Amino acid sequence: MSREQFVGTWKLVSCIWTDTAGRLSYPYGHDPQGYLIYTSDGFMAVNFMSANRRRFVSDDPLGGSIEERRAGKKTYQSYCGTFEVGGDCVIHHVEVSLFPNWVGSKQERFYRFSGNQLTLSTRPLLLRGAEHRAELVWERVVHHAPNKSNAGGTHGQETVSSDHP
């Protein structure tokens, strides 16, 4: 598999954890939000979160109560670094991470492409104190450059659903 198939921006569709008994859970809710980006020069970044996260009382990004910071951490995931494709896995070489224990690690993800979707799944991981496998489904984003009549507006983007012609 060529790493070129990964290159681009992907929008999170779902994040499901399965425990050793086969029970499913949705740690970021049923409507998680996020992006995964792979670049042609071998870098990657992933950021995702629960939808409708509770705002902090203060607008200080380094502030917040212990409870606010705890909830913020539990509802958000982020890391970046470089990537390579090897066999049936894409390997993320983590350089920066919200979870400090991943810095310097290799995060292997099994991958599967289906239409405009990319499914990444893990080997068993310790998640919230129990062993789980995580499966995240991503959909390729098609970016549209803004037209001149929309100067200063938002950049257009859409995901391409797998039933799109």
N, C-alpha and C. Protein backbone atom coordinates (compact mmCIF):
# COMPACT_ATOMS: atom_id res chain seq x y z
N MET A 1 0.85 -1.18 0.00
CA MET A 1 0.00 0.00 0.00
C MET A 1 0.89 1.23 0.00
N SER A 2 0.56 2.18 -0.82
CA SER A 2 1.30 3.43 -0.93
C SER A 2 0.80 4.43 0.11
N ARG A 3 1.73 5.19 0.68
CA ARG A 3 1.30 6.20 1.64
C ARG A 3 0.51 7.31 0.96
N GLU A 4 0.62 7.42 -0.37
CA GLU A 4 -0.13 8.45 -1.09
C GLU A 4 -1.64 8.28 -0.92
N GLN A 5 -2.12 7.05 -0.71
CA GLN A 5 -3.55 6.85 -0.50
C GLN A 5 -4.04 7.50 0.78
N PHE A 6 -3.13 7.70 1.74
CA PHE A 6 -3.50 8.31 3.01
C PHE A 6 -3.52 9.83 2.93
N VAL A 7 -2.72 10.39 2.03
CA VAL A 7 -2.50 11.84 1.99
C VAL A 7 -3.81 12.59 1.79
N GLY A 8 -4.03 13.57 2.64
CA GLY A 8 -5.22 14.41 2.58
C GLY A 8 -5.78 14.64 3.96
N THR A 9 -6.97 15.21 3.97
CA THR A 9 -7.67 15.52 5.22
C THR A 9 -8.87 14.61 5.34
N TRP A 10 -9.05 14.08 6.54
CA TRP A 10 -10.12 13.13 6.83
C TRP A 10 -10.94 13.65 8.01
N LYS A 11 -12.25 13.56 7.91
CA LYS A 11 -13.15 14.01 8.97
C LYS A 11 -13.69 12.79 9.72
N LEU A 12 -13.71 12.88 11.04
CA LEU A 12 -14.15 11.76 11.86
C LEU A 12 -15.64 11.50 11.70
N VAL A 13 -15.98 10.24 11.48
CA VAL A 13 -17.36 9.79 11.35
C VAL A 13 -17.80 9.09 12.63
N SER A 14 -16.94 8.22 13.16
CA SER A 14 -17.30 7.50 14.38
C SER A 14 -16.05 7.03 15.11
N CYS A 15 -16.22 6.82 16.42
CA CYS A 15 -15.18 6.29 17.28
C CYS A 15 -15.84 5.31 18.23
N ILE A 16 -15.52 4.04 18.07
CA ILE A 16 -16.16 2.99 18.87
C ILE A 16 -15.08 2.15 19.53
N TRP A 17 -15.26 1.92 20.83
CA TRP A 17 -14.38 1.02 21.57
C TRP A 17 -15.11 -0.28 21.80
N THR A 18 -14.38 -1.39 21.69
CA THR A 18 -14.95 -2.71 21.96
C THR A 18 -14.10 -3.36 23.05
N ASP A 19 -14.76 -3.78 24.15
CA ASP A 19 -13.99 -4.42 25.23
C ASP A 19 -13.83 -5.90 24.95
N THR A 20 -13.13 -6.60 25.84
CA THR A 20 -12.82 -8.01 25.61
C THR A 20 -14.06 -8.90 25.61
N ALA A 21 -15.17 -8.42 26.18
CA ALA A 21 -16.42 -9.18 26.16
C ALA A 21 -17.27 -8.84 24.94
N GLY A 22 -16.76 -7.95 24.07
CA GLY A 22 -17.50 -7.58 22.87
C GLY A 22 -18.47 -6.43 23.06
N ARG A 23 -18.47 -5.81 24.24
CA ARG A 23 -19.37 -4.68 24.49
C ARG A 23 -18.82 -3.42 23.82
N LEU A 24 -19.71 -2.66 23.19
CA LEU A 24 -19.34 -1.43 22.50
C LEU A 24 -19.55 -0.23 23.41
N SER A 25 -18.67 0.76 23.27
CA SER A 25 -18.87 2.03 23.96
C SER A 25 -18.45 3.15 23.03
N TYR A 26 -18.96 4.32 23.32
CA TYR A 26 -18.74 5.51 22.50
C TYR A 26 -18.14 6.60 23.39
N PRO A 27 -16.84 6.54 23.66
CA PRO A 27 -16.24 7.44 24.65
C PRO A 27 -16.28 8.91 24.28
N TYR A 28 -16.45 9.21 23.01
CA TYR A 28 -16.55 10.60 22.56
C TYR A 28 -17.96 10.90 22.06
N GLY A 29 -18.91 10.08 22.48
CA GLY A 29 -20.30 10.24 22.09
C GLY A 29 -20.58 9.63 20.73
N HIS A 30 -21.84 9.74 20.32
CA HIS A 30 -22.27 9.17 19.04
C HIS A 30 -22.00 10.11 17.87
N ASP A 31 -21.56 11.33 18.16
CA ASP A 31 -21.30 12.31 17.11
C ASP A 31 -19.96 13.01 17.37
N PRO A 32 -18.85 12.24 17.41
CA PRO A 32 -17.57 12.89 17.68
C PRO A 32 -17.17 13.79 16.51
N GLN A 33 -16.30 14.75 16.81
CA GLN A 33 -15.84 15.67 15.79
C GLN A 33 -14.33 15.66 15.75
N GLY A 34 -13.77 15.72 14.55
CA GLY A 34 -12.32 15.79 14.47
C GLY A 34 -11.79 15.63 13.07
N TYR A 35 -10.48 15.82 12.97
CA TYR A 35 -9.79 15.70 11.69
C TYR A 35 -8.49 14.93 11.86
N LEU A 36 -8.16 14.21 10.81
CA LEU A 36 -6.90 13.49 10.68
C LEU A 36 -6.28 13.98 9.38
N ILE A 37 -5.03 14.41 9.46
CA ILE A 37 -4.36 14.96 8.27
C ILE A 37 -3.07 14.20 8.03
N TYR A 38 -2.90 13.73 6.81
CA TYR A 38 -1.65 13.12 6.36
C TYR A 38 -1.10 14.00 5.24
N THR A 39 0.19 14.35 5.32
CA THR A 39 0.79 15.18 4.27
C THR A 39 1.69 14.34 3.36
N SER A 40 1.93 14.86 2.17
CA SER A 40 2.73 14.13 1.20
C SER A 40 4.19 14.01 1.62
N ASP A 41 4.65 14.87 2.54
CA ASP A 41 6.04 14.76 3.00
C ASP A 41 6.17 13.94 4.29
N GLY A 42 5.12 13.19 4.64
CA GLY A 42 5.23 12.19 5.69
C GLY A 42 4.84 12.62 7.09
N PHE A 43 4.14 13.75 7.22
CA PHE A 43 3.68 14.17 8.54
C PHE A 43 2.21 13.84 8.71
N MET A 44 1.78 13.76 9.98
CA MET A 44 0.39 13.49 10.28
C MET A 44 0.01 14.26 11.54
N ALA A 45 -1.28 14.54 11.67
CA ALA A 45 -1.83 15.16 12.87
C ALA A 45 -3.26 14.69 13.03
N VAL A 46 -3.65 14.43 14.26
CA VAL A 46 -5.02 14.01 14.54
C VAL A 46 -5.52 14.78 15.76
N ASN A 47 -6.73 15.27 15.65
CA ASN A 47 -7.42 15.97 16.74
C ASN A 47 -8.88 15.57 16.69
N PHE A 48 -9.41 15.11 17.81
CA PHE A 48 -10.85 14.83 17.84
C PHE A 48 -11.39 15.00 19.24
N MET A 49 -12.72 15.16 19.31
CA MET A 49 -13.35 15.49 20.58
C MET A 49 -14.81 15.07 20.57
N SER A 50 -15.39 15.08 21.75
CA SER A 50 -16.83 14.91 21.87
C SER A 50 -17.51 16.17 21.35
N ALA A 51 -18.67 16.00 20.75
CA ALA A 51 -19.44 17.16 20.32
C ALA A 51 -20.00 17.85 21.56
N ASN A 52 -20.24 19.12 21.46
CA ASN A 52 -20.90 19.89 22.52
C ASN A 52 -20.17 19.81 23.86
N ARG A 53 -18.84 19.94 23.82
CA ARG A 53 -18.07 19.94 25.06
C ARG A 53 -18.48 21.14 25.92
N ARG A 54 -18.49 20.94 27.23
CA ARG A 54 -18.84 22.01 28.15
C ARG A 54 -17.74 23.07 28.16
N ARG A 55 -18.14 24.32 28.04
CA ARG A 55 -17.20 25.43 28.07
C ARG A 55 -16.73 25.69 29.50
N PHE A 56 -15.49 26.19 29.63
CA PHE A 56 -14.97 26.61 30.93
C PHE A 56 -15.68 27.91 31.33
N VAL A 57 -15.76 28.17 32.61
CA VAL A 57 -16.33 29.42 33.09
C VAL A 57 -15.48 30.60 32.63
N SER A 58 -14.15 30.44 32.69
CA SER A 58 -13.22 31.49 32.31
C SER A 58 -12.79 31.32 30.86
N ASP A 59 -12.41 32.42 30.21
CA ASP A 59 -11.87 32.35 28.85
C ASP A 59 -10.36 32.15 28.85
N ASP A 60 -9.77 31.91 30.00
CA ASP A 60 -8.33 31.68 30.13
C ASP A 60 -8.02 30.25 29.70
N PRO A 61 -7.33 30.04 28.55
CA PRO A 61 -7.07 28.67 28.08
C PRO A 61 -6.15 27.88 29.01
N LEU A 62 -5.42 28.54 29.89
CA LEU A 62 -4.57 27.83 30.85
C LEU A 62 -5.22 27.78 32.23
N GLY A 63 -6.43 28.27 32.33
CA GLY A 63 -7.14 28.30 33.61
C GLY A 63 -8.12 27.15 33.71
N GLY A 64 -9.20 27.40 34.39
CA GLY A 64 -10.23 26.39 34.58
C GLY A 64 -10.06 25.66 35.89
N SER A 65 -11.17 25.21 36.42
CA SER A 65 -11.13 24.44 37.66
C SER A 65 -10.56 23.05 37.37
N ILE A 66 -10.23 22.34 38.42
CA ILE A 66 -9.74 20.96 38.26
C ILE A 66 -10.78 20.12 37.51
N GLU A 67 -12.05 20.29 37.87
CA GLU A 67 -13.11 19.53 37.22
C GLU A 67 -13.23 19.88 35.74
N GLU A 68 -13.13 21.18 35.41
CA GLU A 68 -13.20 21.59 34.01
C GLU A 68 -12.04 21.01 33.21
N ARG A 69 -10.84 21.08 33.77
CA ARG A 69 -9.67 20.55 33.06
C ARG A 69 -9.77 19.04 32.91
N ARG A 70 -10.25 18.35 33.91
CA ARG A 70 -10.42 16.90 33.84
C ARG A 70 -11.41 16.54 32.73
N ALA A 71 -12.55 17.22 32.71
CA ALA A 71 -13.56 16.95 31.67
C ALA A 71 -13.01 17.30 30.30
N GLY A 72 -12.26 18.39 30.20
CA GLY A 72 -11.67 18.78 28.93
C GLY A 72 -10.73 17.71 28.39
N LYS A 73 -9.92 17.15 29.25
CA LYS A 73 -8.96 16.10 28.85
C LYS A 73 -9.70 14.82 28.45
N LYS A 74 -10.75 14.45 29.18
CA LYS A 74 -11.46 13.21 28.89
C LYS A 74 -12.25 13.26 27.59
N THR A 75 -12.50 14.46 27.09
CA THR A 75 -13.34 14.58 25.90
C THR A 75 -12.55 15.04 24.67
N TYR A 76 -11.21 14.93 24.74
CA TYR A 76 -10.38 15.42 23.64
C TYR A 76 -9.16 14.53 23.47
N GLN A 77 -8.73 14.33 22.23
CA GLN A 77 -7.52 13.56 21.95
C GLN A 77 -6.76 14.24 20.83
N SER A 78 -5.45 14.27 20.95
CA SER A 78 -4.64 14.94 19.94
C SER A 78 -3.22 14.40 19.97
N TYR A 79 -2.66 14.16 18.80
CA TYR A 79 -1.23 13.89 18.67
C TYR A 79 -0.80 14.14 17.23
N CYS A 80 0.52 14.29 17.05
CA CYS A 80 1.05 14.50 15.71
C CYS A 80 2.49 14.02 15.64
N GLY A 81 2.97 13.88 14.43
CA GLY A 81 4.34 13.43 14.19
C GLY A 81 4.50 13.05 12.73
N THR A 82 5.20 11.95 12.49
CA THR A 82 5.38 11.46 11.13
C THR A 82 4.66 10.12 11.00
N PHE A 83 4.56 9.64 9.76
CA PHE A 83 3.89 8.34 9.56
C PHE A 83 4.58 7.58 8.46
N GLU A 84 4.39 6.27 8.52
CA GLU A 84 4.85 5.37 7.47
C GLU A 84 3.82 4.25 7.34
N VAL A 85 3.80 3.63 6.19
CA VAL A 85 2.90 2.51 5.94
C VAL A 85 3.75 1.26 5.87
N GLY A 86 3.36 0.25 6.65
CA GLY A 86 4.09 -1.01 6.66
C GLY A 86 3.13 -2.17 6.75
N GLY A 87 3.03 -2.96 5.69
CA GLY A 87 2.13 -4.11 5.70
C GLY A 87 0.69 -3.66 5.83
N ASP A 88 0.00 -4.21 6.84
CA ASP A 88 -1.42 -3.89 7.04
C ASP A 88 -1.62 -2.77 8.06
N CYS A 89 -0.53 -2.05 8.40
CA CYS A 89 -0.61 -0.99 9.41
C CYS A 89 -0.07 0.33 8.87
N VAL A 90 -0.63 1.41 9.38
CA VAL A 90 -0.02 2.72 9.25
C VAL A 90 0.56 3.00 10.63
N ILE A 91 1.79 3.45 10.65
CA ILE A 91 2.49 3.65 11.92
C ILE A 91 2.68 5.14 12.12
N HIS A 92 2.14 5.64 13.23
CA HIS A 92 2.27 7.05 13.60
C HIS A 92 3.43 7.15 14.59
N HIS A 93 4.47 7.89 14.23
CA HIS A 93 5.61 8.15 15.11
C HIS A 93 5.30 9.44 15.86
N VAL A 94 4.89 9.31 17.11
CA VAL A 94 4.35 10.44 17.87
C VAL A 94 5.47 11.34 18.38
N GLU A 95 5.37 12.62 18.05
CA GLU A 95 6.33 13.63 18.52
C GLU A 95 5.70 14.59 19.53
N VAL A 96 4.40 14.84 19.40
CA VAL A 96 3.66 15.74 20.28
C VAL A 96 2.34 15.05 20.60
N SER A 97 1.93 15.06 21.87
CA SER A 97 0.69 14.39 22.23
C SER A 97 0.06 15.00 23.47
N LEU A 98 -1.26 15.07 23.49
CA LEU A 98 -1.97 15.47 24.70
C LEU A 98 -1.66 14.48 25.82
N PHE A 99 -1.55 13.19 25.48
CA PHE A 99 -1.20 12.16 26.45
C PHE A 99 0.32 12.01 26.43
N PRO A 100 1.01 12.50 27.46
CA PRO A 100 2.47 12.56 27.41
C PRO A 100 3.17 11.20 27.24
N ASN A 101 2.55 10.12 27.66
CA ASN A 101 3.18 8.81 27.56
C ASN A 101 3.34 8.35 26.11
N TRP A 102 2.61 8.96 25.19
CA TRP A 102 2.72 8.57 23.78
C TRP A 102 3.86 9.27 23.06
N VAL A 103 4.40 10.35 23.64
CA VAL A 103 5.50 11.06 22.98
C VAL A 103 6.68 10.10 22.83
N GLY A 104 7.19 10.00 21.60
CA GLY A 104 8.29 9.09 21.31
C GLY A 104 7.85 7.67 21.00
N SER A 105 6.55 7.42 21.02
CA SER A 105 6.05 6.05 20.77
C SER A 105 5.67 5.87 19.31
N LYS A 106 5.45 4.62 18.94
CA LYS A 106 4.90 4.26 17.64
C LYS A 106 3.48 3.78 17.89
N GLN A 107 2.53 4.44 17.29
CA GLN A 107 1.13 4.04 17.40
C GLN A 107 0.74 3.35 16.10
N GLU A 108 0.59 2.04 16.16
CA GLU A 108 0.24 1.26 14.97
C GLU A 108 -1.28 1.20 14.85
N ARG A 109 -1.75 1.43 13.65
CA ARG A 109 -3.18 1.35 13.37
C ARG A 109 -3.39 0.47 12.14
N PHE A 110 -4.23 -0.55 12.29
CA PHE A 110 -4.64 -1.33 11.13
C PHE A 110 -5.53 -0.44 10.28
N TYR A 111 -5.42 -0.55 8.98
CA TYR A 111 -6.22 0.33 8.13
C TYR A 111 -7.02 -0.47 7.12
N ARG A 112 -8.11 0.16 6.69
CA ARG A 112 -8.96 -0.41 5.64
C ARG A 112 -9.59 0.77 4.89
N PHE A 113 -9.44 0.78 3.59
CA PHE A 113 -10.07 1.78 2.74
C PHE A 113 -11.34 1.17 2.15
N SER A 114 -12.40 1.96 2.12
CA SER A 114 -13.64 1.55 1.48
C SER A 114 -14.28 2.79 0.89
N GLY A 115 -14.24 2.90 -0.43
CA GLY A 115 -14.74 4.12 -1.07
C GLY A 115 -13.93 5.31 -0.58
N ASN A 116 -14.62 6.31 -0.05
CA ASN A 116 -13.97 7.51 0.47
C ASN A 116 -13.79 7.47 1.98
N GLN A 117 -13.85 6.26 2.54
CA GLN A 117 -13.66 6.13 3.98
C GLN A 117 -12.38 5.37 4.31
N LEU A 118 -11.80 5.75 5.43
CA LEU A 118 -10.62 5.09 5.98
C LEU A 118 -10.97 4.66 7.39
N THR A 119 -10.84 3.38 7.67
CA THR A 119 -11.07 2.86 9.01
C THR A 119 -9.73 2.52 9.62
N LEU A 120 -9.47 3.07 10.80
CA LEU A 120 -8.26 2.77 11.56
C LEU A 120 -8.67 2.06 12.84
N SER A 121 -7.99 0.97 13.14
CA SER A 121 -8.29 0.23 14.37
C SER A 121 -6.99 -0.12 15.08
N THR A 122 -7.11 -0.32 16.37
CA THR A 122 -5.93 -0.54 17.22
C THR A 122 -5.81 -2.01 17.61
N ARG A 123 -4.62 -2.34 18.04
CA ARG A 123 -4.43 -3.57 18.81
C ARG A 123 -5.08 -3.29 20.16
N PRO A 124 -5.22 -4.30 21.03
CA PRO A 124 -5.78 -4.02 22.36
C PRO A 124 -4.97 -2.94 23.08
N LEU A 125 -5.71 -1.97 23.65
CA LEU A 125 -5.12 -0.86 24.40
C LEU A 125 -5.77 -0.78 25.77
N LEU A 126 -5.03 -0.28 26.73
CA LEU A 126 -5.61 0.01 28.03
C LEU A 126 -6.30 1.35 27.93
N LEU A 127 -7.63 1.34 28.02
CA LEU A 127 -8.44 2.55 27.89
C LEU A 127 -9.38 2.62 29.08
N ARG A 128 -9.24 3.66 29.87
CA ARG A 128 -10.05 3.86 31.08
C ARG A 128 -10.01 2.64 31.98
N GLY A 129 -8.81 2.05 32.09
CA GLY A 129 -8.59 0.97 33.04
C GLY A 129 -8.95 -0.42 32.55
N ALA A 130 -9.40 -0.58 31.32
CA ALA A 130 -9.77 -1.89 30.80
C ALA A 130 -9.25 -2.02 29.37
N GLU A 131 -9.04 -3.26 28.95
CA GLU A 131 -8.54 -3.50 27.60
C GLU A 131 -9.66 -3.34 26.58
N HIS A 132 -9.36 -2.57 25.53
CA HIS A 132 -10.31 -2.31 24.44
C HIS A 132 -9.56 -2.29 23.12
N ARG A 133 -10.30 -2.44 22.06
CA ARG A 133 -9.83 -2.12 20.71
C ARG A 133 -10.64 -0.90 20.28
N ALA A 134 -9.96 0.06 19.71
CA ALA A 134 -10.65 1.25 19.22
C ALA A 134 -10.74 1.16 17.71
N GLU A 135 -11.86 1.62 17.17
CA GLU A 135 -12.04 1.69 15.73
C GLU A 135 -12.59 3.08 15.39
N LEU A 136 -11.85 3.79 14.54
CA LEU A 136 -12.27 5.12 14.12
C LEU A 136 -12.48 5.12 12.62
N VAL A 137 -13.61 5.63 12.20
CA VAL A 137 -13.93 5.72 10.78
C VAL A 137 -13.81 7.19 10.38
N TRP A 138 -13.07 7.42 9.30
CA TRP A 138 -12.80 8.76 8.78
C TRP A 138 -13.31 8.85 7.35
N GLU A 139 -13.79 10.02 6.95
CA GLU A 139 -14.24 10.25 5.59
C GLU A 139 -13.41 11.37 4.97
N ARG A 140 -12.94 11.11 3.75
CA ARG A 140 -12.09 12.09 3.07
C ARG A 140 -12.83 13.41 2.87
N VAL A 141 -12.14 14.51 3.12
CA VAL A 141 -12.69 15.85 2.95
C VAL A 141 -12.22 16.40 1.61
N VAL A 142 -13.15 16.96 0.86
CA VAL A 142 -12.81 17.64 -0.38
C VAL A 142 -12.89 19.13 -0.10
N HIS A 143 -11.79 19.83 -0.34
CA HIS A 143 -11.71 21.25 -0.05
C HIS A 143 -12.00 22.06 -1.31
N HIS A 144 -12.81 23.07 -1.16
CA HIS A 144 -13.11 23.97 -2.27
C HIS A 144 -12.52 25.34 -1.95
N ALA A 145 -11.73 25.87 -2.85
CA ALA A 145 -11.15 27.21 -2.65
C ALA A 145 -12.29 28.22 -2.62
N PRO A 146 -12.16 29.25 -1.79
CA PRO A 146 -13.23 30.26 -1.74
C PRO A 146 -13.28 31.03 -3.06
N ASN A 147 -14.50 31.38 -3.47
CA ASN A 147 -14.61 32.18 -4.68
C ASN A 147 -14.46 33.66 -4.32
N LYS A 148 -14.23 34.48 -5.30
CA LYS A 148 -13.96 35.90 -5.03
C LYS A 148 -15.14 36.61 -4.40
N SER A 149 -16.35 36.14 -4.66
CA SER A 149 -17.52 36.79 -4.06
C SER A 149 -17.64 36.46 -2.59
N ASN A 150 -16.88 35.48 -2.13
CA ASN A 150 -16.91 35.08 -0.72
C ASN A 150 -15.61 35.49 -0.03
N ALA A 151 -14.95 36.53 -0.52
CA ALA A 151 -13.68 36.97 0.06
C ALA A 151 -13.89 37.27 1.54
N GLY A 152 -13.00 36.73 2.34
CA GLY A 152 -13.08 36.93 3.78
C GLY A 152 -14.05 35.99 4.46
N GLY A 153 -14.76 35.19 3.68
CA GLY A 153 -15.71 34.23 4.26
C GLY A 153 -15.02 32.93 4.61
N THR A 154 -15.80 31.95 4.90
CA THR A 154 -15.24 30.66 5.27
C THR A 154 -14.85 29.89 4.03
N HIS A 155 -13.88 29.04 4.17
CA HIS A 155 -13.49 28.15 3.08
C HIS A 155 -14.52 27.05 2.99
N GLY A 156 -14.89 26.71 1.77
CA GLY A 156 -15.86 25.65 1.59
C GLY A 156 -15.21 24.29 1.75
N GLN A 157 -15.94 23.36 2.34
CA GLN A 157 -15.45 22.00 2.44
C GLN A 157 -16.65 21.08 2.52
N GLU A 158 -16.44 19.88 2.10
CA GLU A 158 -17.48 18.87 2.24
C GLU A 158 -16.80 17.52 2.34
N THR A 159 -17.49 16.62 2.98
CA THR A 159 -16.99 15.26 2.98
C THR A 159 -17.65 14.55 1.81
N VAL A 160 -16.95 13.60 1.27
CA VAL A 160 -17.47 12.85 0.16
C VAL A 160 -17.97 11.53 0.71
N SER A 161 -19.27 11.34 0.68
CA SER A 161 -19.81 10.09 1.22
C SER A 161 -19.47 8.95 0.30
N SER A 162 -19.46 7.75 0.86
CA SER A 162 -19.04 6.58 0.08
C SER A 162 -20.05 6.24 -1.01
N ASP A 163 -21.26 6.81 -0.97
CA ASP A 163 -22.21 6.55 -2.05
C ASP A 163 -22.21 7.68 -3.07
N HIS A 164 -21.28 8.61 -2.94
CA HIS A 164 -21.13 9.71 -3.88
C HIS A 164 -20.57 9.19 -5.19
N PRO A 165 -21.13 9.62 -6.36
CA PRO A 165 -20.62 9.09 -7.63
C PRO A 165 -19.20 9.50 -7.91
